[in-house]
Amino acid sequence: MLGRSPLKICPVCGQRYREGDVCPRDNVHLRELPPDPMSGKILKGRYRLEDQIGVGGMGAIYRATNVSNGRTVAVKVLQQALVESDEHVARFRQEADLLSRIMHPNVVSLLDYGQEGDTIFMIMEHLTGHTLDAVVPPGGFDLDTALALMEEVCAGVGAAHQAGLIHRDLKPENIFFARQADGRSVVKVIDFGLARPVYAHEQPAGELTMRGRVVGSAGYVAPEHITGGRDFTPVSDVYALGAVLFHLLTGRVPYSGEDNVAIMTSQLKQGPPPLGLPPGTPGLMLEGVIHRAMNRNPSLRYQSTDDMIKGMRFVVHKAGQLGKSRTDNNTLAISDVTIQLQAPRNTPPPEAPPEEAKLAPAMVPAGPVVRARPAGGARAAPAPAAQRAAPNAAAAVAAAVTAKGRAVHPVVLGTVCMVLGAVLYAGAQEIYERVKDSGSEDRMDAGTGDDGGERKTRVPRRRRR
């Protein structure tokens, strides 16, 4: 530790440096930090704390070295002032417990947890790179970049939901572009300090939800949690994801105001604002996706991160814009960070999002109609010609419309097919009734009644095959 330069911090971006006097990103003079008493301390006999690299709501984060193998890790230490608070200690331990459930490349990994004396800490993977708010350009990313990044963010949040927890504080500051050893980078969801289990029975005694306070960040917390009275669910995170996508495409936050109260008031009174991008900007096509994710009614939002991914892919692929602004199939250059995509540019057409799948009628493929033979070996009567022709007619309509090169909305096409099917079915029923009446002529058979008089009985005439 001797001979090392003092740690310095940029007053603008908060980045810390050992060398130099000027921040290379903001071009402002660095400020020297006082010596940290935790620096040099060894935890669990092998994790040596080096420099403080960040400060969170409940503690500081240090870069540390595992002296047994030389691996660099990150150590989050609970603030000394909060160690005496049973609530904050329980919340810190809950964060470690919940984070240990997730094993996903788009979520920061927990390696260890412990307590030594009055020092409570968790060991996590060390991330090198920048948070989202530090790299988004003033005018936002292009469509392909925003879509690729958003898919990775949704994948990480979806993994947390599957593991049984809700993040509750998704925002650009809690999304990290981590540079890997090979020079590429991956998106990581970080800071699960406000996370909680999906199911209430897993919540520790005392309900760690900070009663009387809004949990989350202004502009990103769902409106139903501003007024209280609703529990957090996965769709609460979906609302925040819509706000993050807004930031990716525009370079600005969805709502603005003098303070957090003004921002939250805007969230309650009005829906998400328009993107405000120039006409013809490809990113405008995702405005509908954002508005649905940020709907003030939770039941009208995407009900999962997978649904939101499908919605984004469907809209972009339908407009034929996928891959037009991307220069490489596997990577995206963002500032000094290179993002490795999870999927190549030329992917198969995505499936319709849930709302489209529910509205579109089932299309019966053209071909012979196979029916089960009734008991006794009798051959089933063939279906009327009009009914057999309905699937072929529907397929013909679809082929005729799309053959002209015009894109048809699935709901419109489904409505046309349903109307056509109803007309054909009505015609088939009418034909069937006429044939039935003409083949059911009655004949009169004479007989003798109980009073000895003549009795006439109607006997249906057997139809000829």
Protein backbone atom coordinates (compact mmCIF):
# COMPACT_ATOMS: atom_id res chain seq x y z
CA MET A 1 0.00 0.00 0.00
CA LEU A 2 2.99 2.30 0.44
CA GLY A 3 3.94 4.58 -2.41
CA ARG A 4 0.49 4.54 -4.00
CA SER A 5 -1.01 7.77 -5.29
CA PRO A 6 -3.94 9.15 -3.30
CA LEU A 7 -7.39 8.33 -4.61
CA LYS A 8 -9.13 11.14 -6.50
CA ILE A 9 -12.74 11.60 -7.57
CA CYS A 10 -14.42 13.50 -10.38
CA PRO A 11 -16.98 15.95 -8.91
CA VAL A 12 -19.18 15.54 -12.01
CA CYS A 13 -19.41 11.81 -12.76
CA GLY A 14 -18.12 10.43 -9.45
CA GLN A 15 -15.51 8.24 -11.16
CA ARG A 16 -12.43 7.58 -9.02
CA TYR A 17 -8.85 7.61 -10.29
CA ARG A 18 -5.38 6.90 -8.99
CA GLU A 19 -3.53 8.68 -11.80
CA GLY A 20 -3.98 12.07 -13.41
CA ASP A 21 -5.47 15.34 -12.29
CA VAL A 22 -8.27 15.78 -14.84
CA CYS A 23 -11.26 13.53 -15.54
CA PRO A 24 -10.85 12.22 -19.11
CA ARG A 25 -14.62 12.09 -19.60
CA ASP A 26 -15.77 15.40 -18.13
CA ASN A 27 -12.54 17.40 -18.48
CA VAL A 28 -12.76 18.77 -14.93
CA HIS A 29 -10.14 18.73 -12.17
CA LEU A 30 -10.22 15.75 -9.84
CA ARG A 31 -10.65 16.15 -6.09
CA GLU A 32 -8.42 14.21 -3.73
CA LEU A 33 -10.19 12.00 -1.23
CA PRO A 34 -9.11 11.62 2.39
CA PRO A 35 -7.62 8.26 3.42
CA ASP A 36 -10.24 5.55 4.02
CA PRO A 37 -9.83 3.67 7.33
CA MET A 38 -11.29 0.53 5.70
CA SER A 39 -8.61 0.46 3.02
CA GLY A 40 -6.18 -2.41 3.60
CA LYS A 41 -8.51 -4.33 5.92
CA ILE A 42 -8.72 -8.10 5.27
CA LEU A 43 -12.10 -9.86 5.56
CA LYS A 44 -12.53 -13.62 6.03
CA GLY A 45 -8.76 -13.92 5.95
CA ARG A 46 -8.51 -13.49 2.20
CA TYR A 47 -10.40 -10.41 0.87
CA ARG A 48 -8.16 -7.34 1.14
CA LEU A 49 -10.01 -4.05 0.67
CA GLU A 50 -8.24 -1.66 -1.71
CA ASP A 51 -10.17 1.40 -2.88
CA GLN A 52 -13.70 2.67 -2.42
CA ILE A 53 -15.30 2.62 -5.86
CA GLY A 54 -18.88 3.58 -5.04
CA VAL A 55 -21.40 4.54 -2.39
CA GLY A 56 -24.91 3.11 -2.15
CA GLY A 57 -27.94 3.84 -0.04
CA MET A 58 -26.86 1.55 2.78
CA GLY A 59 -23.12 1.15 2.32
CA ALA A 60 -19.91 1.65 0.42
CA ILE A 61 -18.47 -0.58 -2.29
CA TYR A 62 -14.77 -1.41 -2.36
CA ARG A 63 -12.51 -2.97 -4.91
CA ALA A 64 -10.79 -5.86 -3.17
CA THR A 65 -8.34 -8.63 -3.94
CA ASN A 66 -8.68 -12.28 -3.03
CA VAL A 67 -5.14 -12.84 -1.76
CA SER A 68 -5.47 -16.61 -2.20
CA ASN A 69 -5.85 -16.45 -5.98
CA GLY A 70 -5.32 -12.79 -6.93
CA ARG A 71 -8.86 -12.36 -8.23
CA THR A 72 -10.37 -8.88 -8.08
CA VAL A 73 -13.78 -8.72 -6.42
CA ALA A 74 -16.18 -6.06 -5.15
CA VAL A 75 -17.09 -5.84 -1.47
CA LYS A 76 -20.24 -4.04 -0.31
CA VAL A 77 -19.98 -3.01 3.35
CA LEU A 78 -22.93 -1.84 5.43
CA GLN A 79 -22.41 1.66 6.82
CA GLN A 80 -21.19 1.69 10.39
CA ALA A 81 -23.98 4.08 11.36
CA LEU A 82 -26.57 1.49 10.26
CA VAL A 83 -25.07 -1.56 11.97
CA GLU A 84 -27.05 -0.79 15.13
CA SER A 85 -30.33 -0.69 13.19
CA ASP A 86 -32.01 -4.08 13.18
CA GLU A 87 -34.14 -3.04 10.19
CA HIS A 88 -31.17 -2.05 8.03
CA VAL A 89 -29.20 -5.14 9.01
CA ALA A 90 -32.19 -7.32 8.10
CA ARG A 91 -32.59 -5.49 4.81
CA PHE A 92 -28.89 -5.91 3.98
CA ARG A 93 -29.05 -9.63 4.72
CA GLN A 94 -32.22 -9.95 2.68
CA GLU A 95 -30.44 -8.38 -0.30
CA ALA A 96 -27.68 -10.98 -0.03
CA ASP A 97 -30.20 -13.81 0.31
CA LEU A 98 -32.25 -12.70 -2.68
CA LEU A 99 -29.21 -12.02 -4.86
CA SER A 100 -27.85 -15.50 -4.12
CA ARG A 101 -30.91 -16.99 -5.86
CA ILE A 102 -30.06 -15.52 -9.27
CA MET A 103 -27.54 -17.06 -11.63
CA HIS A 104 -27.77 -15.13 -14.89
CA PRO A 105 -25.20 -13.37 -17.11
CA ASN A 106 -27.22 -10.13 -17.03
CA VAL A 107 -27.33 -9.91 -13.21
CA VAL A 108 -24.38 -9.13 -10.91
CA SER A 109 -23.25 -12.30 -9.11
CA LEU A 110 -22.97 -12.74 -5.34
CA LEU A 111 -19.88 -14.73 -4.31
CA ASP A 112 -19.94 -14.65 -0.51
CA TYR A 113 -21.47 -13.01 2.56
CA GLY A 114 -20.33 -12.59 6.14
CA GLN A 115 -19.84 -10.53 9.27
CA GLU A 116 -16.71 -9.81 11.27
CA GLY A 117 -17.27 -7.81 14.40
CA ASP A 118 -19.29 -4.76 13.44
CA THR A 119 -18.44 -5.12 9.74
CA ILE A 120 -21.25 -6.70 7.71
CA PHE A 121 -20.41 -7.30 4.06
CA MET A 122 -21.15 -9.21 0.86
CA ILE A 123 -18.64 -10.25 -1.80
CA MET A 124 -19.70 -9.74 -5.44
CA GLU A 125 -18.11 -9.96 -8.86
CA HIS A 126 -16.08 -6.89 -9.75
CA LEU A 127 -17.49 -4.88 -12.65
CA THR A 128 -15.46 -2.54 -14.82
CA GLY A 129 -17.29 -0.12 -17.05
CA HIS A 130 -20.02 2.49 -16.75
CA THR A 131 -23.64 2.76 -15.73
CA LEU A 132 -26.34 3.47 -18.31
CA ASP A 133 -26.83 7.10 -17.30
CA ALA A 134 -23.14 7.81 -18.00
CA VAL A 135 -23.07 6.51 -21.58
CA VAL A 136 -26.43 7.39 -23.15
CA PRO A 137 -25.79 10.15 -25.75
CA PRO A 138 -27.81 13.38 -25.49
CA GLY A 139 -30.11 12.40 -28.37
CA GLY A 140 -30.45 8.75 -27.35
CA PHE A 141 -29.29 5.56 -29.06
CA ASP A 142 -30.34 4.37 -32.50
CA LEU A 143 -33.12 1.81 -32.72
CA ASP A 144 -30.92 -1.30 -33.01
CA THR A 145 -28.68 -0.31 -30.11
CA ALA A 146 -31.62 0.52 -27.83
CA LEU A 147 -33.37 -2.74 -28.72
CA ALA A 148 -30.27 -4.87 -28.14
CA LEU A 149 -29.51 -3.26 -24.79
CA MET A 150 -33.13 -3.41 -23.66
CA GLU A 151 -33.38 -7.12 -24.43
CA GLU A 152 -30.43 -7.81 -22.13
CA VAL A 153 -31.90 -5.66 -19.36
CA CYS A 154 -35.26 -7.44 -19.68
CA ALA A 155 -33.51 -10.81 -19.62
CA GLY A 156 -31.77 -9.95 -16.34
CA VAL A 157 -34.93 -8.61 -14.71
CA GLY A 158 -36.88 -11.62 -15.98
CA ALA A 159 -34.35 -13.93 -14.34
CA ALA A 160 -34.89 -12.10 -11.05
CA HIS A 161 -38.67 -12.54 -11.39
CA GLN A 162 -38.25 -16.25 -12.08
CA ALA A 163 -36.08 -16.50 -8.98
CA GLY A 164 -38.93 -15.02 -6.96
CA LEU A 165 -37.93 -11.41 -6.37
CA ILE A 166 -38.80 -7.92 -7.58
CA HIS A 167 -36.08 -5.28 -8.04
CA ARG A 168 -38.25 -2.22 -7.19
CA ASP A 169 -35.54 0.32 -8.12
CA LEU A 170 -34.81 -0.15 -11.81
CA LYS A 171 -33.28 2.98 -13.34
CA PRO A 172 -30.29 3.85 -15.56
CA GLU A 173 -28.00 4.19 -12.52
CA ASN A 174 -28.68 0.54 -11.62
CA ILE A 175 -27.86 -0.86 -15.07
CA PHE A 176 -24.17 -1.43 -15.70
CA PHE A 177 -22.10 -2.03 -18.85
CA ALA A 178 -19.45 -4.42 -17.54
CA ARG A 179 -16.30 -4.92 -19.59
CA GLN A 180 -15.21 -8.55 -19.75
CA ALA A 181 -11.72 -9.98 -19.96
CA ASP A 182 -11.94 -10.42 -23.74
CA GLY A 183 -12.68 -6.72 -24.24
CA ARG A 184 -16.37 -7.16 -24.90
CA SER A 185 -19.06 -6.13 -22.45
CA VAL A 186 -22.37 -7.33 -21.12
CA VAL A 187 -25.29 -5.52 -19.52
CA LYS A 188 -25.68 -6.19 -15.80
CA VAL A 189 -28.58 -5.33 -13.49
CA ILE A 190 -27.13 -4.20 -10.16
CA ASP A 191 -28.14 -2.87 -6.71
CA PHE A 192 -30.83 -5.12 -5.27
CA GLY A 193 -30.93 -3.12 -2.03
CA LEU A 194 -34.68 -2.48 -2.35
CA ALA A 195 -35.56 -5.89 -3.79
CA ARG A 196 -38.18 -8.01 -2.08
CA PRO A 197 -39.69 -11.48 -2.55
CA VAL A 198 -42.60 -11.84 -4.93
CA TYR A 199 -44.58 -13.82 -2.36
CA ALA A 200 -45.60 -12.11 0.87
CA HIS A 201 -45.02 -15.21 3.01
CA GLU A 202 -41.28 -14.92 2.31
CA GLN A 203 -41.12 -11.40 3.73
CA PRO A 204 -39.31 -11.27 7.09
CA ALA A 205 -41.23 -10.22 10.17
CA GLY A 206 -41.61 -6.47 10.35
CA GLU A 207 -42.36 -5.95 6.63
CA LEU A 208 -39.23 -4.29 5.25
CA THR A 209 -41.04 -1.88 2.96
CA MET A 210 -40.41 1.45 4.73
CA ARG A 211 -44.03 2.20 5.54
CA GLY A 212 -45.10 5.77 4.84
CA ARG A 213 -42.36 6.27 2.24
CA VAL A 214 -42.32 5.77 -1.51
CA VAL A 215 -40.06 2.84 -2.39
CA GLY A 216 -38.19 3.47 -5.62
CA SER A 217 -37.03 6.46 -7.67
CA ALA A 218 -39.17 9.31 -8.95
CA GLY A 219 -39.98 8.90 -12.63
CA TYR A 220 -39.40 5.14 -12.52
CA VAL A 221 -41.58 3.88 -9.68
CA ALA A 222 -45.03 2.77 -10.83
CA PRO A 223 -47.88 5.24 -10.06
CA GLU A 224 -49.84 2.75 -7.95
CA HIS A 225 -46.98 2.70 -5.44
CA ILE A 226 -46.82 6.48 -5.14
CA THR A 227 -50.26 6.62 -3.55
CA GLY A 228 -49.75 3.34 -1.68
CA GLY A 229 -52.27 0.59 -1.13
CA ARG A 230 -50.84 -1.82 -3.72
CA ASP A 231 -48.18 -4.44 -3.28
CA PHE A 232 -45.24 -4.69 -5.66
CA THR A 233 -45.53 -7.24 -8.46
CA PRO A 234 -43.43 -8.03 -11.55
CA VAL A 235 -45.47 -5.49 -13.56
CA SER A 236 -44.10 -2.82 -11.21
CA ASP A 237 -40.68 -3.51 -12.71
CA VAL A 238 -42.19 -3.52 -16.21
CA TYR A 239 -43.25 0.11 -15.69
CA ALA A 240 -39.66 1.03 -14.82
CA LEU A 241 -38.39 -0.86 -17.88
CA GLY A 242 -40.63 1.28 -20.06
CA ALA A 243 -39.09 4.40 -18.52
CA VAL A 244 -35.59 3.01 -19.12
CA LEU A 245 -36.43 2.34 -22.78
CA PHE A 246 -37.68 5.95 -23.04
CA HIS A 247 -34.29 7.12 -21.73
CA LEU A 248 -32.40 4.88 -24.17
CA LEU A 249 -34.23 6.29 -27.20
CA THR A 250 -34.30 9.98 -26.19
CA GLY A 251 -31.37 10.54 -23.86
CA ARG A 252 -33.67 12.11 -21.27
CA VAL A 253 -35.97 11.04 -18.46
CA PRO A 254 -39.71 10.59 -19.17
CA TYR A 255 -40.84 13.05 -16.48
CA SER A 256 -39.17 16.19 -15.20
CA GLY A 257 -39.92 18.59 -12.38
CA GLU A 258 -38.42 20.84 -9.74
CA ASP A 259 -38.27 18.00 -7.23
CA ASN A 260 -39.36 14.42 -6.70
CA VAL A 261 -42.83 15.49 -5.55
CA ALA A 262 -43.42 17.38 -8.80
CA ILE A 263 -42.19 14.42 -10.86
CA MET A 264 -44.44 11.94 -9.05
CA THR A 265 -47.39 14.30 -9.37
CA SER A 266 -46.89 14.31 -13.14
CA GLN A 267 -46.81 10.51 -13.11
CA LEU A 268 -50.16 10.41 -11.34
CA LYS A 269 -51.90 13.01 -13.50
CA GLN A 270 -50.73 12.05 -16.97
CA GLY A 271 -49.51 9.05 -18.91
CA PRO A 272 -46.05 8.75 -20.41
CA PRO A 273 -45.17 11.70 -22.66
CA PRO A 274 -44.43 11.30 -26.39
CA LEU A 275 -40.85 10.55 -27.36
CA GLY A 276 -40.54 13.85 -29.19
CA LEU A 277 -38.15 12.45 -31.80
CA PRO A 278 -37.94 13.98 -35.30
CA PRO A 279 -40.46 12.56 -37.81
CA GLY A 280 -39.15 9.47 -39.55
CA THR A 281 -36.88 8.44 -36.68
CA PRO A 282 -37.00 4.62 -36.45
CA GLY A 283 -37.16 4.75 -32.67
CA LEU A 284 -40.65 6.28 -32.88
CA MET A 285 -42.12 2.86 -33.66
CA LEU A 286 -41.39 1.77 -30.08
CA GLU A 287 -43.48 4.58 -28.62
CA GLY A 288 -46.49 2.28 -28.38
CA VAL A 289 -44.41 -0.31 -26.54
CA ILE A 290 -43.30 2.32 -24.02
CA HIS A 291 -46.82 3.62 -23.50
CA ARG A 292 -48.12 0.12 -22.82
CA ALA A 293 -45.28 -0.74 -20.42
CA MET A 294 -45.88 2.55 -18.56
CA ASN A 295 -49.66 2.37 -18.52
CA ARG A 296 -51.06 3.72 -15.25
CA ASN A 297 -53.32 0.65 -15.05
CA PRO A 298 -51.13 -2.33 -14.04
CA SER A 299 -53.48 -4.84 -15.72
CA LEU A 300 -52.97 -3.15 -19.11
CA ARG A 301 -49.18 -3.35 -19.05
CA TYR A 302 -47.05 -6.18 -20.36
CA GLN A 303 -47.47 -8.86 -17.73
CA SER A 304 -43.87 -10.11 -17.98
CA THR A 305 -40.50 -9.11 -19.36
CA ASP A 306 -40.84 -11.83 -22.01
CA ASP A 307 -44.04 -10.20 -23.25
CA MET A 308 -42.25 -6.87 -23.49
CA ILE A 309 -39.38 -8.40 -25.47
CA LYS A 310 -41.86 -10.02 -27.86
CA GLY A 311 -43.69 -6.71 -28.24
CA MET A 312 -40.48 -4.85 -29.14
CA ARG A 313 -39.34 -7.49 -31.60
CA PHE A 314 -42.74 -7.77 -33.25
CA VAL A 315 -43.11 -4.02 -33.82
CA VAL A 316 -39.58 -3.54 -35.15
CA HIS A 317 -39.60 -6.63 -37.36
CA LYS A 318 -43.03 -5.76 -38.74
CA ALA A 319 -41.74 -2.37 -39.87
CA GLY A 320 -38.71 -3.98 -41.52
CA GLN A 321 -36.27 -1.84 -39.52
CA LEU A 322 -34.39 -4.55 -37.64
CA GLY A 323 -30.65 -4.44 -38.27
CA LYS A 324 -30.62 -1.39 -40.56
CA SER A 325 -28.60 0.84 -38.24
CA ARG A 326 -26.30 -1.83 -36.85
CA THR A 327 -22.83 -2.10 -38.32
CA ASP A 328 -21.88 -5.45 -36.83
CA ASN A 329 -23.81 -8.63 -36.19
CA ASN A 330 -22.37 -9.31 -32.76
CA THR A 331 -21.19 -6.07 -31.15
CA LEU A 332 -22.21 -2.49 -30.56
CA ALA A 333 -19.71 0.27 -29.78
CA ILE A 334 -20.93 2.61 -27.05
CA SER A 335 -18.47 5.27 -25.94
CA ASP A 336 -15.46 3.23 -24.80
CA VAL A 337 -17.61 0.16 -24.10
CA THR A 338 -18.36 -2.62 -26.57
CA ILE A 339 -21.63 -4.46 -26.04
CA GLN A 340 -21.85 -8.08 -27.13
CA LEU A 341 -25.30 -8.92 -28.42
CA GLN A 342 -27.10 -12.09 -27.38
CA ALA A 343 -28.55 -12.77 -30.83
CA PRO A 344 -27.30 -12.07 -34.38
CA ARG A 345 -28.95 -9.48 -36.56
CA ASN A 346 -30.68 -11.85 -38.98
CA THR A 347 -33.02 -13.67 -36.64
CA PRO A 348 -36.24 -15.50 -37.60
CA PRO A 349 -39.44 -13.42 -37.58
CA PRO A 350 -40.66 -13.00 -34.00
CA GLU A 351 -44.00 -14.31 -32.85
CA ALA A 352 -46.87 -11.93 -32.30
CA PRO A 353 -47.07 -10.28 -28.86
CA PRO A 354 -49.76 -11.57 -26.49
CA GLU A 355 -52.44 -9.02 -27.42
CA GLU A 356 -52.13 -9.95 -31.10
CA ALA A 357 -52.18 -13.66 -30.40
CA LYS A 358 -55.41 -13.35 -28.40
CA LEU A 359 -57.25 -11.40 -31.09
CA ALA A 360 -56.13 -13.33 -34.14
CA PRO A 361 -58.47 -16.29 -34.96
CA ALA A 362 -57.11 -19.79 -35.38
CA MET A 363 -56.31 -20.39 -39.05
CA VAL A 364 -57.19 -23.94 -40.15
CA PRO A 365 -54.63 -25.24 -42.65
CA ALA A 366 -55.89 -26.17 -46.10
CA GLY A 367 -56.16 -29.88 -46.86
CA PRO A 368 -58.40 -32.89 -46.29
CA VAL A 369 -60.64 -32.87 -43.24
CA VAL A 370 -60.09 -35.97 -41.10
CA ARG A 371 -63.04 -37.07 -38.95
CA ALA A 372 -63.33 -39.93 -36.50
CA ARG A 373 -65.51 -42.84 -37.69
CA PRO A 374 -68.56 -43.42 -35.40
CA ALA A 375 -69.05 -46.61 -33.41
CA GLY A 376 -70.33 -49.61 -35.34
CA GLY A 377 -68.12 -49.03 -38.34
CA ALA A 378 -70.55 -46.75 -40.18
CA ARG A 379 -68.83 -44.23 -42.39
CA ALA A 380 -69.32 -40.63 -41.33
CA ALA A 381 -71.18 -38.35 -43.69
CA PRO A 382 -68.85 -36.07 -45.64
CA ALA A 383 -68.84 -32.40 -44.71
CA PRO A 384 -70.70 -30.01 -47.01
CA ALA A 385 -68.59 -28.63 -49.80
CA ALA A 386 -68.92 -25.08 -48.48
CA GLN A 387 -67.49 -26.08 -45.11
CA ARG A 388 -64.60 -27.92 -46.69
CA ALA A 389 -63.84 -24.91 -48.82
CA ALA A 390 -63.74 -22.41 -45.91
CA PRO A 391 -60.13 -23.07 -44.86
CA ASN A 392 -58.99 -22.94 -48.48
CA ALA A 393 -60.88 -19.68 -48.99
CA ALA A 394 -59.29 -18.12 -45.90
CA ALA A 395 -55.85 -19.15 -47.08
CA ALA A 396 -56.62 -17.75 -50.51
CA VAL A 397 -57.63 -14.40 -49.04
CA ALA A 398 -54.41 -14.22 -47.05
CA ALA A 399 -52.35 -15.11 -50.11
CA ALA A 400 -54.19 -12.63 -52.33
CA VAL A 401 -53.74 -9.74 -49.88
CA THR A 402 -50.10 -10.36 -49.13
CA ALA A 403 -49.22 -11.09 -52.74
CA LYS A 404 -49.55 -7.41 -53.56
CA GLY A 405 -46.79 -6.58 -51.10
CA ARG A 406 -49.00 -4.78 -48.66
CA ALA A 407 -48.48 -5.46 -44.95
CA VAL A 408 -51.76 -6.46 -43.33
CA HIS A 409 -52.35 -6.21 -39.60
CA PRO A 410 -53.09 -9.67 -38.14
CA VAL A 411 -56.26 -8.40 -36.45
CA VAL A 412 -57.62 -7.04 -39.76
CA LEU A 413 -56.79 -10.24 -41.59
CA GLY A 414 -58.35 -12.33 -38.82
CA THR A 415 -61.57 -10.26 -38.93
CA VAL A 416 -61.84 -10.73 -42.72
CA CYS A 417 -61.37 -14.47 -42.34
CA MET A 418 -64.02 -14.71 -39.61
CA VAL A 419 -66.59 -12.81 -41.68
CA LEU A 420 -65.85 -14.95 -44.74
CA GLY A 421 -66.13 -18.11 -42.67
CA ALA A 422 -69.48 -17.01 -41.22
CA VAL A 423 -70.89 -16.30 -44.69
CA LEU A 424 -69.76 -19.64 -46.07
CA TYR A 425 -71.08 -21.49 -43.04
CA ALA A 426 -74.52 -19.83 -43.35
CA GLY A 427 -74.68 -20.78 -47.04
CA ALA A 428 -73.70 -24.35 -46.25
CA GLN A 429 -76.42 -24.62 -43.60
CA GLU A 430 -79.07 -23.40 -46.03
CA ILE A 431 -77.98 -25.91 -48.69
CA TYR A 432 -77.99 -28.70 -46.13
CA GLU A 433 -81.56 -27.90 -44.98
CA ARG A 434 -82.84 -27.85 -48.56
CA VAL A 435 -81.32 -31.22 -49.31
CA LYS A 436 -82.75 -32.62 -46.08
CA ASP A 437 -86.29 -31.41 -46.87
CA SER A 438 -86.26 -32.71 -50.44
CA GLY A 439 -85.08 -36.15 -49.30
CA SER A 440 -87.62 -36.56 -46.48
CA GLU A 441 -90.91 -37.10 -48.38
CA ASP A 442 -93.50 -38.86 -46.28
CA ARG A 443 -95.60 -41.91 -47.29
CA MET A 444 -98.91 -42.97 -45.66
CA ASP A 445 -99.34 -46.59 -44.39
CA ALA A 446 -102.87 -47.79 -43.53
CA GLY A 447 -103.60 -49.73 -40.34
CA THR A 448 -106.41 -50.63 -37.95
CA GLY A 449 -107.00 -48.67 -34.78
CA ASP A 450 -108.25 -49.86 -31.42
CA ASP A 451 -111.85 -48.92 -32.36
CA GLY A 452 -111.68 -50.96 -35.53
CA GLY A 453 -111.49 -47.82 -37.66
CA GLU A 454 -108.85 -46.94 -40.15
CA ARG A 455 -105.63 -45.40 -38.75
CA LYS A 456 -103.01 -43.59 -40.83
CA THR A 457 -99.43 -43.38 -39.59
CA ARG A 458 -96.65 -41.18 -40.95
CA VAL A 459 -93.54 -43.25 -41.61
CA PRO A 460 -90.43 -41.35 -42.66
CA ARG A 461 -89.14 -42.54 -45.96
CA ARG A 462 -85.60 -43.91 -45.89
CA ARG A 463 -83.22 -41.74 -47.82
CA ARG A 464 -81.31 -43.34 -50.61
CA ARG A 465 -77.59 -43.31 -50.36
